[in-house]
């Protein structure tokens, strides 16, 4: 997971390709994410962009569910 110092080094907007590098996942998965409801992305013409600040908030929300908390106890 990215720490705060690493997050501050990121540009304010990421492309799906940059997001794939940050998350260490395939680019195809990132395109699935950007199209999903609730994910902090938007389009400018044909180009998808992801807000870095909102991405970090989204990640926090995903990792703070009851299910994730239960997994941490194990």
PDB file of N, CA and C in Angstrom:
ATOM      1  N   UNK A   1       0.842  -1.185   0.000  1.00  0.00           N
ATOM      2  CA  UNK A   1       0.000   0.000   0.000  1.00  0.00           C
ATOM      3  C   UNK A   1       0.883   1.242   0.000  1.00  0.00           C
ATOM      4  N   UNK A   2       0.407   2.277  -0.606  1.00  0.00           N
ATOM      5  CA  UNK A   2       1.162   3.523  -0.661  1.00  0.00           C
ATOM      6  C   UNK A   2       1.125   4.237   0.673  1.00  0.00           C
ATOM      7  N   UNK A   3       2.277   4.742   1.085  1.00  0.00           N
ATOM      8  CA  UNK A   3       2.269   5.569   2.279  1.00  0.00           C
ATOM      9  C   UNK A   3       2.073   7.029   1.861  1.00  0.00           C
ATOM     10  N   UNK A   4       1.958   7.907   2.840  1.00  0.00           N
ATOM     11  CA  UNK A   4       1.634   9.307   2.538  1.00  0.00           C
ATOM     12  C   UNK A   4       2.719   9.982   1.703  1.00  0.00           C
ATOM     13  N   UNK A   5       3.982   9.675   1.944  1.00  0.00           N
ATOM     14  CA  UNK A   5       5.069  10.287   1.176  1.00  0.00           C
ATOM     15  C   UNK A   5       5.003   9.866  -0.286  1.00  0.00           C
ATOM     16  N   UNK A   6       4.725   8.586  -0.526  1.00  0.00           N
ATOM     17  CA  UNK A   6       4.613   8.102  -1.903  1.00  0.00           C
ATOM     18  C   UNK A   6       3.417   8.731  -2.602  1.00  0.00           C
ATOM     19  N   UNK A   7       2.329   8.893  -1.874  1.00  0.00           N
ATOM     20  CA  UNK A   7       1.122   9.499  -2.431  1.00  0.00           C
ATOM     21  C   UNK A   7       1.376  10.937  -2.849  1.00  0.00           C
ATOM     22  N   UNK A   8       2.136  11.659  -2.068  1.00  0.00           N
ATOM     23  CA  UNK A   8       2.425  13.061  -2.376  1.00  0.00           C
ATOM     24  C   UNK A   8       3.268  13.198  -3.637  1.00  0.00           C
ATOM     25  N   UNK A   9       3.998  12.173  -4.021  1.00  0.00           N
ATOM     26  CA  UNK A   9       4.824  12.212  -5.225  1.00  0.00           C
ATOM     27  C   UNK A   9       4.005  11.988  -6.497  1.00  0.00           C
ATOM     28  N   UNK A  10       2.800  11.486  -6.357  1.00  0.00           N
ATOM     29  CA  UNK A  10       1.964  11.204  -7.518  1.00  0.00           C
ATOM     30  C   UNK A  10       1.378  12.490  -8.090  1.00  0.00           C
ATOM     31  N   UNK A  11       1.146  12.510  -9.411  1.00  0.00           N
ATOM     32  CA  UNK A  11       0.482  13.676 -10.003  1.00  0.00           C
ATOM     33  C   UNK A  11      -0.977  13.725  -9.542  1.00  0.00           C
ATOM     34  N   UNK A  12      -1.626  14.880  -9.657  1.00  0.00           N
ATOM     35  CA  UNK A  12      -3.018  14.996  -9.192  1.00  0.00           C
ATOM     36  C   UNK A  12      -3.996  14.130  -9.975  1.00  0.00           C
ATOM     37  N   UNK A  13      -3.670  13.823 -11.224  1.00  0.00           N
ATOM     38  CA  UNK A  13      -4.523  12.962 -12.050  1.00  0.00           C
ATOM     39  C   UNK A  13      -3.691  11.824 -12.617  1.00  0.00           C
ATOM     40  N   UNK A  14      -4.272  10.631 -12.616  1.00  0.00           N
ATOM     41  CA  UNK A  14      -3.603   9.452 -13.161  1.00  0.00           C
ATOM     42  C   UNK A  14      -4.372   8.925 -14.366  1.00  0.00           C
ATOM     43  N   UNK A  15      -3.660   8.353 -15.305  1.00  0.00           N
ATOM     44  CA  UNK A  15      -4.274   7.610 -16.402  1.00  0.00           C
ATOM     45  C   UNK A  15      -4.450   6.166 -15.933  1.00  0.00           C
ATOM     46  N   UNK A  16      -5.247   5.376 -16.630  1.00  0.00           N
ATOM     47  CA  UNK A  16      -5.348   3.962 -16.261  1.00  0.00           C
ATOM     48  C   UNK A  16      -3.988   3.247 -16.298  1.00  0.00           C
ATOM     49  N   UNK A  17      -3.123   3.638 -17.213  1.00  0.00           N
ATOM     50  CA  UNK A  17      -1.797   3.026 -17.294  1.00  0.00           C
ATOM     51  C   UNK A  17      -0.975   3.350 -16.042  1.00  0.00           C
ATOM     52  N   UNK A  18      -1.018   4.613 -15.605  1.00  0.00           N
ATOM     53  CA  UNK A  18      -0.298   5.016 -14.397  1.00  0.00           C
ATOM     54  C   UNK A  18      -0.905   4.345 -13.164  1.00  0.00           C
ATOM     55  N   UNK A  19      -2.216   4.238 -13.137  1.00  0.00           N
ATOM     56  CA  UNK A  19      -2.895   3.570 -12.033  1.00  0.00           C
ATOM     57  C   UNK A  19      -2.460   2.117 -11.937  1.00  0.00           C
ATOM     58  N   UNK A  20      -2.314   1.460 -13.076  1.00  0.00           N
ATOM     59  CA  UNK A  20      -1.861   0.069 -13.097  1.00  0.00           C
ATOM     60  C   UNK A  20      -0.483  -0.063 -12.457  1.00  0.00           C
ATOM     61  N   UNK A  21       0.385   0.883 -12.721  1.00  0.00           N
ATOM     62  CA  UNK A  21       1.721   0.856 -12.117  1.00  0.00           C
ATOM     63  C   UNK A  21       1.642   1.090 -10.611  1.00  0.00           C
ATOM     64  N   UNK A  22       0.826   2.038 -10.202  1.00  0.00           N
ATOM     65  CA  UNK A  22       0.696   2.367  -8.776  1.00  0.00           C
ATOM     66  C   UNK A  22       0.128   1.179  -7.999  1.00  0.00           C
ATOM     67  N   UNK A  23      -0.911   0.557  -8.532  1.00  0.00           N
ATOM     68  CA  UNK A  23      -1.572  -0.549  -7.843  1.00  0.00           C
ATOM     69  C   UNK A  23      -0.928  -1.901  -8.124  1.00  0.00           C
ATOM     70  N   UNK A  24      -0.028  -1.938  -9.093  1.00  0.00           N
ATOM     71  CA  UNK A  24       0.627  -3.180  -9.508  1.00  0.00           C
ATOM     72  C   UNK A  24      -0.396  -4.226  -9.947  1.00  0.00           C
ATOM     73  N   UNK A  25      -1.276  -3.779 -10.841  1.00  0.00           N
ATOM     74  CA  UNK A  25      -2.310  -4.640 -11.417  1.00  0.00           C
ATOM     75  C   UNK A  25      -2.301  -4.437 -12.937  1.00  0.00           C
ATOM     76  N   UNK A  26      -2.926  -5.339 -13.689  1.00  0.00           N
ATOM     77  CA  UNK A  26      -2.988  -5.172 -15.144  1.00  0.00           C
ATOM     78  C   UNK A  26      -3.793  -3.932 -15.565  1.00  0.00           C
ATOM     79  N   UNK A  27      -3.402  -3.342 -16.670  1.00  0.00           N
ATOM     80  CA  UNK A  27      -4.111  -2.167 -17.206  1.00  0.00           C
ATOM     81  C   UNK A  27      -5.564  -2.518 -17.509  1.00  0.00           C
ATOM     82  N   UNK A  28      -5.804  -3.731 -17.988  1.00  0.00           N
ATOM     83  CA  UNK A  28      -7.181  -4.135 -18.297  1.00  0.00           C
ATOM     84  C   UNK A  28      -8.058  -4.080 -17.052  1.00  0.00           C
ATOM     85  N   UNK A  29      -7.507  -4.431 -15.899  1.00  0.00           N
ATOM     86  CA  UNK A  29      -8.249  -4.343 -14.645  1.00  0.00           C
ATOM     87  C   UNK A  29      -8.576  -2.886 -14.308  1.00  0.00           C
ATOM     88  N   UNK A  30      -7.631  -1.986 -14.589  1.00  0.00           N
ATOM     89  CA  UNK A  30      -7.849  -0.561 -14.323  1.00  0.00           C
ATOM     90  C   UNK A  30      -8.972  -0.006 -15.179  1.00  0.00           C
ATOM     91  N   UNK A  31      -9.072  -0.475 -16.428  1.00  0.00           N
ATOM     92  CA  UNK A  31     -10.173  -0.019 -17.272  1.00  0.00           C
ATOM     93  C   UNK A  31     -11.516  -0.531 -16.739  1.00  0.00           C
ATOM     94  N   UNK A  32     -11.515  -1.711 -16.146  1.00  0.00           N
ATOM     95  CA  UNK A  32     -12.729  -2.208 -15.498  1.00  0.00           C
ATOM     96  C   UNK A  32     -13.073  -1.318 -14.307  1.00  0.00           C
ATOM     97  N   UNK A  33     -12.066  -0.947 -13.522  1.00  0.00           N
ATOM     98  CA  UNK A  33     -12.285  -0.066 -12.373  1.00  0.00           C
ATOM     99  C   UNK A  33     -12.854   1.285 -12.792  1.00  0.00           C
ATOM    100  N   UNK A  34     -12.244   1.920 -13.797  1.00  0.00           N
ATOM    101  CA  UNK A  34     -12.677   3.276 -14.161  1.00  0.00           C
ATOM    102  C   UNK A  34     -14.109   3.305 -14.670  1.00  0.00           C
ATOM    103  N   UNK A  35     -14.575   2.184 -15.171  1.00  0.00           N
ATOM    104  CA  UNK A  35     -15.960   2.110 -15.665  1.00  0.00           C
ATOM    105  C   UNK A  35     -16.955   1.739 -14.558  1.00  0.00           C
ATOM    106  N   UNK A  36     -16.446   1.364 -13.389  1.00  0.00           N
ATOM    107  CA  UNK A  36     -17.342   0.907 -12.331  1.00  0.00           C
ATOM    108  C   UNK A  36     -17.925   2.080 -11.542  1.00  0.00           C
ATOM    109  N   UNK A  37     -19.159   1.884 -11.095  1.00  0.00           N
ATOM    110  CA  UNK A  37     -19.872   2.917 -10.335  1.00  0.00           C
ATOM    111  C   UNK A  37     -19.163   3.150  -9.002  1.00  0.00           C
ATOM    112  N   UNK A  38     -18.979   4.409  -8.660  1.00  0.00           N
ATOM    113  CA  UNK A  38     -18.373   4.755  -7.391  1.00  0.00           C
ATOM    114  C   UNK A  38     -16.866   4.922  -7.428  1.00  0.00           C
ATOM    115  N   UNK A  39     -16.239   4.535  -8.536  1.00  0.00           N
ATOM    116  CA  UNK A  39     -14.793   4.702  -8.644  1.00  0.00           C
ATOM    117  C   UNK A  39     -14.509   6.132  -9.102  1.00  0.00           C
ATOM    118  N   UNK A  40     -13.513   6.807  -8.505  1.00  0.00           N
ATOM    119  CA  UNK A  40     -13.271   8.233  -8.782  1.00  0.00           C
ATOM    120  C   UNK A  40     -12.567   8.509 -10.113  1.00  0.00           C
ATOM    121  N   UNK A  41     -13.286   8.273 -11.183  1.00  0.00           N
ATOM    122  CA  UNK A  41     -12.715   8.518 -12.506  1.00  0.00           C
ATOM    123  C   UNK A  41     -13.682   9.338 -13.339  1.00  0.00           C
ATOM    124  N   UNK A  42     -13.143   9.935 -14.393  1.00  0.00           N
ATOM    125  CA  UNK A  42     -13.965  10.708 -15.316  1.00  0.00           C
ATOM    126  C   UNK A  42     -13.287  10.711 -16.678  1.00  0.00           C
ATOM    127  N   UNK A  43     -14.047  11.105 -17.674  1.00  0.00           N
ATOM    128  CA  UNK A  43     -13.525  11.126 -19.040  1.00  0.00           C
ATOM    129  C   UNK A  43     -13.355  12.556 -19.524  1.00  0.00           C
ATOM    130  N   UNK A  44     -12.285  12.740 -20.278  1.00  0.00           N
ATOM    131  CA  UNK A  44     -12.053  13.966 -21.023  1.00  0.00           C
ATOM    132  C   UNK A  44     -11.877  13.493 -22.461  1.00  0.00           C
ATOM    133  N   UNK A  45     -12.929  13.694 -23.254  1.00  0.00           N
ATOM    134  CA  UNK A  45     -12.927  13.118 -24.591  1.00  0.00           C
ATOM    135  C   UNK A  45     -12.934  11.601 -24.480  1.00  0.00           C
ATOM    136  N   UNK A  46     -11.935  10.955 -25.058  1.00  0.00           N
ATOM    137  CA  UNK A  46     -11.826   9.497 -24.973  1.00  0.00           C
ATOM    138  C   UNK A  46     -10.881   9.047 -23.869  1.00  0.00           C
ATOM    139  N   UNK A  47     -10.281  10.003 -23.182  1.00  0.00           N
ATOM    140  CA  UNK A  47      -9.260   9.679 -22.185  1.00  0.00           C
ATOM    141  C   UNK A  47      -9.861   9.574 -20.779  1.00  0.00           C
ATOM    142  N   UNK A  48      -9.570   8.475 -20.076  1.00  0.00           N
ATOM    143  CA  UNK A  48      -9.983   8.292 -18.699  1.00  0.00           C
ATOM    144  C   UNK A  48      -8.942   8.898 -17.775  1.00  0.00           C
ATOM    145  N   UNK A  49      -9.397   9.589 -16.723  1.00  0.00           N
ATOM    146  CA  UNK A  49      -8.510  10.153 -15.713  1.00  0.00           C
ATOM    147  C   UNK A  49      -9.040   9.800 -14.330  1.00  0.00           C
ATOM    148  N   UNK A  50      -8.117   9.657 -13.382  1.00  0.00           N
ATOM    149  CA  UNK A  50      -8.452   9.298 -12.010  1.00  0.00           C
ATOM    150  C   UNK A  50      -7.853  10.346 -11.087  1.00  0.00           C
ATOM    151  N   UNK A  51      -8.659  10.910 -10.211  1.00  0.00           N
ATOM    152  CA  UNK A  51      -8.195  11.874  -9.225  1.00  0.00           C
ATOM    153  C   UNK A  51      -7.400  11.134  -8.150  1.00  0.00           C
ATOM    154  N   UNK A  52      -6.145  11.514  -7.947  1.00  0.00           N
ATOM    155  CA  UNK A  52      -5.301  10.842  -6.960  1.00  0.00           C
ATOM    156  C   UNK A  52      -5.866  11.000  -5.555  1.00  0.00           C
ATOM    157  N   UNK A  53      -6.296  12.203  -5.192  1.00  0.00           N
ATOM    158  CA  UNK A  53      -6.862  12.422  -3.859  1.00  0.00           C
ATOM    159  C   UNK A  53      -8.097  11.557  -3.635  1.00  0.00           C
ATOM    160  N   UNK A  54      -8.982  11.553  -4.619  1.00  0.00           N
ATOM    161  CA  UNK A  54     -10.210  10.765  -4.477  1.00  0.00           C
ATOM    162  C   UNK A  54      -9.916   9.269  -4.526  1.00  0.00           C
ATOM    163  N   UNK A  55      -8.874   8.889  -5.253  1.00  0.00           N
ATOM    164  CA  UNK A  55      -8.459   7.485  -5.289  1.00  0.00           C
ATOM    165  C   UNK A  55      -8.057   7.028  -3.894  1.00  0.00           C
ATOM    166  N   UNK A  56      -7.276   7.839  -3.193  1.00  0.00           N
ATOM    167  CA  UNK A  56      -6.840   7.475  -1.844  1.00  0.00           C
ATOM    168  C   UNK A  56      -8.040   7.361  -0.895  1.00  0.00           C
ATOM    169  N   UNK A  57      -9.012   8.260  -1.042  1.00  0.00           N
ATOM    170  CA  UNK A  57     -10.228   8.185  -0.240  1.00  0.00           C
ATOM    171  C   UNK A  57     -10.997   6.915  -0.566  1.00  0.00           C
ATOM    172  N   UNK A  58     -11.082   6.575  -1.851  1.00  0.00           N
ATOM    173  CA  UNK A  58     -11.771   5.359  -2.295  1.00  0.00           C
ATOM    174  C   UNK A  58     -11.085   4.121  -1.734  1.00  0.00           C
ATOM    175  N   UNK A  59      -9.763   4.090  -1.778  1.00  0.00           N
ATOM    176  CA  UNK A  59      -9.016   2.948  -1.241  1.00  0.00           C
ATOM    177  C   UNK A  59      -9.269   2.815   0.253  1.00  0.00           C
ATOM    178  N   UNK A  60      -9.254   3.925   0.973  1.00  0.00           N
ATOM    179  CA  UNK A  60      -9.540   3.892   2.418  1.00  0.00           C
ATOM    180  C   UNK A  60     -10.926   3.312   2.679  1.00  0.00           C
ATOM    181  N   UNK A  61     -11.899   3.728   1.888  1.00  0.00           N
ATOM    182  CA  UNK A  61     -13.263   3.234   2.065  1.00  0.00           C
ATOM    183  C   UNK A  61     -13.339   1.737   1.771  1.00  0.00           C
ATOM    184  N   UNK A  62     -12.608   1.279   0.773  1.00  0.00           N
ATOM    185  CA  UNK A  62     -12.627  -0.140   0.416  1.00  0.00           C
ATOM    186  C   UNK A  62     -11.971  -0.994   1.497  1.00  0.00           C
ATOM    187  N   UNK A  63     -10.980  -0.451   2.146  1.00  0.00           N
ATOM    188  CA  UNK A  63     -10.241  -1.226   3.144  1.00  0.00           C
ATOM    189  C   UNK A  63     -10.784  -1.063   4.553  1.00  0.00           C
ATOM    190  N   UNK A  64     -11.822  -0.263   4.719  1.00  0.00           N
ATOM    191  CA  UNK A  64     -12.380  -0.054   6.055  1.00  0.00           C
ATOM    192  C   UNK A  64     -13.714  -0.761   6.255  1.00  0.00           C
ATOM    193  N   UNK A  65     -14.054  -1.680   5.371  1.00  0.00           N
ATOM    194  CA  UNK A  65     -15.305  -2.424   5.520  1.00  0.00           C
ATOM    195  C   UNK A  65     -15.181  -3.410   6.677  1.00  0.00           C
ATOM    196  N   UNK A  66     -16.291  -3.869   7.193  1.00  0.00           N
ATOM    197  CA  UNK A  66     -16.292  -4.839   8.295  1.00  0.00           C
ATOM    198  C   UNK A  66     -15.553  -6.115   7.898  1.00  0.00           C
ATOM    199  N   UNK A  67     -15.720  -6.533   6.658  1.00  0.00           N
ATOM    200  CA  UNK A  67     -15.073  -7.751   6.185  1.00  0.00           C
ATOM    201  C   UNK A  67     -13.561  -7.620   6.247  1.00  0.00           C
ATOM    202  N   UNK A  68     -13.033  -6.465   5.816  1.00  0.00           N
ATOM    203  CA  UNK A  68     -11.595  -6.235   5.858  1.00  0.00           C
ATOM    204  C   UNK A  68     -11.102  -6.188   7.299  1.00  0.00           C
ATOM    205  N   UNK A  69     -11.889  -5.585   8.187  1.00  0.00           N
ATOM    206  CA  UNK A  69     -11.487  -5.507   9.583  1.00  0.00           C
ATOM    207  C   UNK A  69     -11.413  -6.909  10.185  1.00  0.00           C
ATOM    208  N   UNK A  70     -12.365  -7.786   9.823  1.00  0.00           N
ATOM    209  CA  UNK A  70     -12.344  -9.150  10.317  1.00  0.00           C
ATOM    210  C   UNK A  70     -11.125  -9.911   9.818  1.00  0.00           C
ATOM    211  N   UNK A  71     -10.730  -9.673   8.580  1.00  0.00           N
ATOM    212  CA  UNK A  71      -9.554 -10.338   8.022  1.00  0.00           C
ATOM    213  C   UNK A  71      -8.288  -9.926   8.742  1.00  0.00           C
ATOM    214  N   UNK A  72      -8.221  -8.666   9.182  1.00  0.00           N
ATOM    215  CA  UNK A  72      -7.037  -8.184   9.876  1.00  0.00           C
ATOM    216  C   UNK A  72      -6.858  -8.849  11.234  1.00  0.00           C
ATOM    217  N   UNK A  73      -7.972  -9.299  11.831  1.00  0.00           N
ATOM    218  CA  UNK A  73      -7.918  -9.936  13.138  1.00  0.00           C
ATOM    219  C   UNK A  73      -7.318 -11.335  13.062  1.00  0.00           C
ATOM    220  N   UNK A  74      -7.409 -11.952  11.906  1.00  0.00           N
ATOM    221  CA  UNK A  74      -6.947 -13.344  11.747  1.00  0.00           C
ATOM    222  C   UNK A  74      -5.457 -13.431  11.813  1.00  0.00           C
TER     223      UNK A  74
END
